[in-house]
Structures are given as C-alpha cells and as structure tokens.
C-alpha cells in the first residue's frame, strides 16, 4: 500500500490520495488510478514538488503539487509491460 503524507491530509493511502495533485511516473503524466495500481516494491524513489518549484517545472496544472515517482524498472502501467532500465 502506498502512503503519502501531506500538511492537508494526516495520512493519505492508495484509496484516498490528495486531490488535484499532478502525478508523474518515470517522466510521464499518469492518473491517480495508475498510481493506485503501482506495486510499492517497484518504487525506487518518490519526490514531492510543491509551490513555485512544481509550477516552474510543470506549469499551472501542477499548482496543487506534484508527486514524481521513479520506478526500479521501466514499467508501462497501462499494459504491465516490464523492461529493464538501461
């Protein structure tokens, strides 16, 4: 299960991720449903961007913050295709 803690949410789990947040997996925009489907064992790193840093990097669509997820292996979340990172 993925847990994301924010100031506005005491604890957000897979079923209740913060609304309005922009999600990026391996450089590609994804929906909340894709984030919820991620196996936590596949996650290498999670970065949280907020405020000016988020909007400078991703524009106004990221004004509620950004969750950048880097996977251990390159995984296509739409087809579950797995490829080793180069």
N, C-alpha and C. Protein backbone atom coordinates (compact mmCIF):
# COMPACT_ATOMS: atom_id res chain seq x y z
N UNK A 1 0.84 -1.17 0.00
CA UNK A 1 0.00 0.00 0.00
C UNK A 1 0.89 1.24 0.00
N UNK A 2 0.50 2.24 -0.75
CA UNK A 2 1.26 3.49 -0.84
C UNK A 2 0.66 4.50 0.13
N UNK A 3 1.49 5.11 0.97
CA UNK A 3 1.03 6.17 1.87
C UNK A 3 1.74 7.47 1.51
N UNK A 4 0.98 8.53 1.37
CA UNK A 4 1.53 9.86 1.10
C UNK A 4 1.01 10.77 2.20
N UNK A 5 1.92 11.42 2.92
CA UNK A 5 1.52 12.31 4.00
C UNK A 5 1.72 13.75 3.54
N UNK A 6 0.71 14.57 3.72
CA UNK A 6 0.80 15.99 3.37
C UNK A 6 0.32 16.82 4.55
N UNK A 7 0.56 18.12 4.51
CA UNK A 7 0.07 19.00 5.57
C UNK A 7 -1.45 18.95 5.68
N UNK A 8 -2.12 18.91 4.53
CA UNK A 8 -3.57 18.97 4.50
C UNK A 8 -4.23 17.62 4.76
N UNK A 9 -3.49 16.55 4.65
CA UNK A 9 -4.03 15.21 4.83
C UNK A 9 -3.15 14.49 5.84
N UNK A 10 -3.72 14.11 6.97
CA UNK A 10 -2.94 13.44 8.00
C UNK A 10 -2.26 12.20 7.44
N UNK A 11 -3.01 11.39 6.72
CA UNK A 11 -2.43 10.22 6.07
C UNK A 11 -3.31 9.89 4.87
N UNK A 12 -2.72 9.86 3.71
CA UNK A 12 -3.47 9.52 2.50
C UNK A 12 -2.96 8.17 2.03
N UNK A 13 -3.85 7.24 1.81
CA UNK A 13 -3.45 5.92 1.34
C UNK A 13 -3.81 5.77 -0.12
N UNK A 14 -3.59 4.58 -0.67
CA UNK A 14 -3.92 4.33 -2.07
C UNK A 14 -5.35 4.72 -2.41
N UNK A 15 -6.26 4.52 -1.48
CA UNK A 15 -7.66 4.77 -1.78
C UNK A 15 -8.06 6.23 -1.58
N UNK A 16 -7.16 7.04 -1.02
CA UNK A 16 -7.53 8.44 -0.78
C UNK A 16 -6.34 9.37 -0.97
N UNK A 17 -5.76 9.33 -2.16
CA UNK A 17 -4.64 10.21 -2.46
C UNK A 17 -5.12 11.65 -2.54
N UNK A 18 -4.26 12.63 -2.24
CA UNK A 18 -4.67 14.03 -2.27
C UNK A 18 -5.23 14.43 -3.63
N UNK A 19 -6.33 15.18 -3.63
CA UNK A 19 -6.98 15.60 -4.88
C UNK A 19 -6.25 16.79 -5.49
N UNK A 20 -6.23 16.86 -6.81
CA UNK A 20 -5.63 17.98 -7.51
C UNK A 20 -4.13 17.88 -7.68
N UNK A 21 -3.54 16.83 -7.17
CA UNK A 21 -2.10 16.64 -7.29
C UNK A 21 -1.79 16.06 -8.67
N UNK A 22 -0.69 16.49 -9.24
CA UNK A 22 -0.24 16.06 -10.56
C UNK A 22 0.72 14.90 -10.35
N UNK A 23 0.46 13.76 -10.98
CA UNK A 23 1.27 12.56 -10.79
C UNK A 23 2.14 12.28 -12.03
N UNK A 24 3.42 12.00 -11.79
CA UNK A 24 4.37 11.71 -12.85
C UNK A 24 5.07 10.40 -12.49
N UNK A 25 5.06 9.44 -13.44
CA UNK A 25 5.82 8.21 -13.25
C UNK A 25 6.83 8.13 -14.38
N UNK A 26 8.10 8.06 -14.00
CA UNK A 26 9.19 7.97 -14.98
C UNK A 26 9.05 9.02 -16.07
N UNK A 27 8.69 10.24 -15.70
CA UNK A 27 8.63 11.36 -16.63
C UNK A 27 7.33 11.50 -17.40
N UNK A 28 6.35 10.62 -17.16
CA UNK A 28 5.09 10.69 -17.89
C UNK A 28 3.93 10.96 -16.94
N UNK A 29 3.04 11.85 -17.37
CA UNK A 29 1.85 12.15 -16.58
C UNK A 29 0.95 10.92 -16.51
N UNK A 30 0.45 10.61 -15.33
CA UNK A 30 -0.45 9.48 -15.15
C UNK A 30 -1.61 9.90 -14.25
N UNK A 31 -2.65 9.09 -14.26
CA UNK A 31 -3.83 9.36 -13.44
C UNK A 31 -3.64 8.79 -12.04
N UNK A 32 -4.51 9.20 -11.15
CA UNK A 32 -4.50 8.68 -9.78
C UNK A 32 -4.70 7.16 -9.78
N UNK A 33 -5.53 6.67 -10.70
CA UNK A 33 -5.80 5.23 -10.77
C UNK A 33 -4.52 4.45 -11.08
N UNK A 34 -3.67 5.00 -11.95
CA UNK A 34 -2.40 4.34 -12.27
C UNK A 34 -1.51 4.32 -11.04
N UNK A 35 -1.46 5.43 -10.30
CA UNK A 35 -0.66 5.49 -9.08
C UNK A 35 -1.15 4.45 -8.08
N UNK A 36 -2.45 4.32 -7.96
CA UNK A 36 -3.02 3.35 -7.02
C UNK A 36 -2.67 1.92 -7.39
N UNK A 37 -2.42 1.65 -8.67
CA UNK A 37 -2.15 0.30 -9.13
C UNK A 37 -0.67 -0.10 -9.00
N UNK A 38 0.19 0.83 -8.63
CA UNK A 38 1.62 0.55 -8.54
C UNK A 38 1.91 -0.39 -7.38
N UNK A 39 2.72 -1.36 -7.64
CA UNK A 39 3.23 -2.23 -6.57
C UNK A 39 4.34 -1.44 -5.86
N UNK A 40 4.20 -1.19 -4.57
CA UNK A 40 5.21 -0.41 -3.85
C UNK A 40 6.62 -0.99 -3.96
N UNK A 41 6.73 -2.28 -4.21
CA UNK A 41 8.05 -2.90 -4.37
C UNK A 41 8.74 -2.45 -5.65
N UNK A 42 8.01 -1.87 -6.59
CA UNK A 42 8.59 -1.39 -7.85
C UNK A 42 9.10 0.04 -7.75
N UNK A 43 8.83 0.71 -6.65
CA UNK A 43 9.20 2.12 -6.50
C UNK A 43 10.64 2.25 -6.01
N UNK A 44 11.41 3.02 -6.79
CA UNK A 44 12.79 3.32 -6.39
C UNK A 44 12.84 4.60 -5.57
N UNK A 45 12.03 5.58 -5.98
CA UNK A 45 12.11 6.91 -5.36
C UNK A 45 10.81 7.68 -5.57
N UNK A 46 10.45 8.49 -4.58
CA UNK A 46 9.30 9.40 -4.70
C UNK A 46 9.77 10.79 -4.31
N UNK A 47 9.52 11.76 -5.19
CA UNK A 47 9.85 13.15 -4.91
C UNK A 47 8.56 13.96 -4.89
N UNK A 48 8.45 14.87 -3.95
CA UNK A 48 7.29 15.74 -3.85
C UNK A 48 7.74 17.16 -4.19
N UNK A 49 7.09 17.76 -5.17
CA UNK A 49 7.34 19.16 -5.53
C UNK A 49 6.11 19.96 -5.16
N UNK A 50 6.32 21.14 -4.62
CA UNK A 50 5.18 21.98 -4.29
C UNK A 50 5.52 23.43 -4.55
N UNK A 51 4.49 24.24 -4.59
CA UNK A 51 4.67 25.67 -4.77
C UNK A 51 5.33 26.04 -6.08
N UNK A 52 6.25 26.99 -5.98
CA UNK A 52 6.92 27.53 -7.16
C UNK A 52 7.71 26.47 -7.94
N UNK A 53 8.35 25.56 -7.23
CA UNK A 53 9.13 24.51 -7.92
C UNK A 53 8.24 23.66 -8.82
N UNK A 54 7.06 23.32 -8.31
CA UNK A 54 6.14 22.48 -9.10
C UNK A 54 5.64 23.23 -10.33
N UNK A 55 5.22 24.48 -10.16
CA UNK A 55 4.67 25.23 -11.30
C UNK A 55 5.76 25.62 -12.29
N UNK A 56 6.98 25.86 -11.84
CA UNK A 56 8.07 26.17 -12.77
C UNK A 56 8.38 24.97 -13.66
N UNK A 57 8.33 23.78 -13.09
CA UNK A 57 8.69 22.58 -13.84
C UNK A 57 7.54 22.08 -14.72
N UNK A 58 6.29 22.16 -14.21
CA UNK A 58 5.16 21.55 -14.91
C UNK A 58 4.04 22.52 -15.29
N UNK A 59 4.16 23.78 -14.93
CA UNK A 59 3.13 24.75 -15.29
C UNK A 59 1.98 24.79 -14.29
N UNK A 60 0.95 25.53 -14.66
CA UNK A 60 -0.19 25.76 -13.76
C UNK A 60 -0.94 24.48 -13.38
N UNK A 61 -0.89 23.46 -14.22
CA UNK A 61 -1.59 22.21 -13.89
C UNK A 61 -1.02 21.57 -12.63
N UNK A 62 0.16 22.00 -12.22
CA UNK A 62 0.81 21.44 -11.03
C UNK A 62 0.70 22.36 -9.82
N UNK A 63 -0.24 23.30 -9.84
CA UNK A 63 -0.32 24.27 -8.76
C UNK A 63 -0.74 23.66 -7.42
N UNK A 64 -1.26 22.44 -7.41
CA UNK A 64 -1.59 21.75 -6.16
C UNK A 64 -0.46 20.81 -5.71
N UNK A 65 0.62 20.80 -6.47
CA UNK A 65 1.75 19.95 -6.12
C UNK A 65 1.94 18.81 -7.10
N UNK A 66 3.11 18.20 -7.04
CA UNK A 66 3.48 17.12 -7.95
C UNK A 66 4.08 15.97 -7.14
N UNK A 67 3.68 14.76 -7.48
CA UNK A 67 4.30 13.56 -6.94
C UNK A 67 5.03 12.90 -8.10
N UNK A 68 6.37 12.92 -8.04
CA UNK A 68 7.19 12.28 -9.08
C UNK A 68 7.63 10.92 -8.55
N UNK A 69 7.29 9.88 -9.30
CA UNK A 69 7.64 8.52 -8.89
C UNK A 69 8.61 7.95 -9.91
N UNK A 70 9.72 7.43 -9.42
CA UNK A 70 10.70 6.75 -10.26
C UNK A 70 10.64 5.27 -9.91
N UNK A 71 10.42 4.45 -10.92
CA UNK A 71 10.33 3.01 -10.70
C UNK A 71 11.69 2.35 -10.83
N UNK A 72 11.87 1.24 -10.15
CA UNK A 72 13.12 0.49 -10.22
C UNK A 72 13.37 -0.04 -11.62
N UNK A 73 12.30 -0.47 -12.28
CA UNK A 73 12.37 -0.95 -13.65
C UNK A 73 11.37 -0.15 -14.46
N UNK A 74 11.63 -0.04 -15.72
CA UNK A 74 10.71 0.69 -16.58
C UNK A 74 9.46 -0.17 -16.78
N UNK A 75 8.32 0.30 -16.28
CA UNK A 75 7.08 -0.46 -16.35
C UNK A 75 6.04 0.39 -17.06
N UNK A 76 5.40 -0.17 -18.06
CA UNK A 76 4.29 0.51 -18.70
C UNK A 76 3.06 0.20 -17.87
N UNK A 77 2.56 1.17 -17.07
CA UNK A 77 1.45 0.89 -16.16
C UNK A 77 0.16 0.55 -16.88
N UNK A 78 0.07 0.85 -18.15
CA UNK A 78 -1.17 0.57 -18.89
C UNK A 78 -1.21 -0.85 -19.41
N UNK A 79 -0.05 -1.46 -19.66
CA UNK A 79 -0.03 -2.82 -20.19
C UNK A 79 0.70 -3.78 -19.26
N UNK A 80 1.26 -3.25 -18.15
CA UNK A 80 2.06 -4.03 -17.21
C UNK A 80 3.31 -4.60 -17.86
N UNK A 81 3.71 -4.03 -19.00
CA UNK A 81 4.94 -4.45 -19.68
C UNK A 81 6.14 -3.98 -18.87
N UNK A 82 7.07 -4.84 -18.66
CA UNK A 82 8.26 -4.51 -17.85
C UNK A 82 9.50 -4.61 -18.73
N UNK A 83 10.34 -3.58 -18.64
CA UNK A 83 11.60 -3.58 -19.36
C UNK A 83 12.68 -3.16 -18.38
N UNK A 84 13.84 -3.75 -18.47
CA UNK A 84 14.94 -3.37 -17.60
C UNK A 84 15.43 -1.97 -17.97
N UNK A 85 15.80 -1.18 -16.96
CA UNK A 85 16.36 0.15 -17.20
C UNK A 85 17.75 0.00 -17.80
N UNK A 86 18.10 0.97 -18.65
CA UNK A 86 19.44 0.97 -19.27
C UNK A 86 20.34 1.92 -18.55
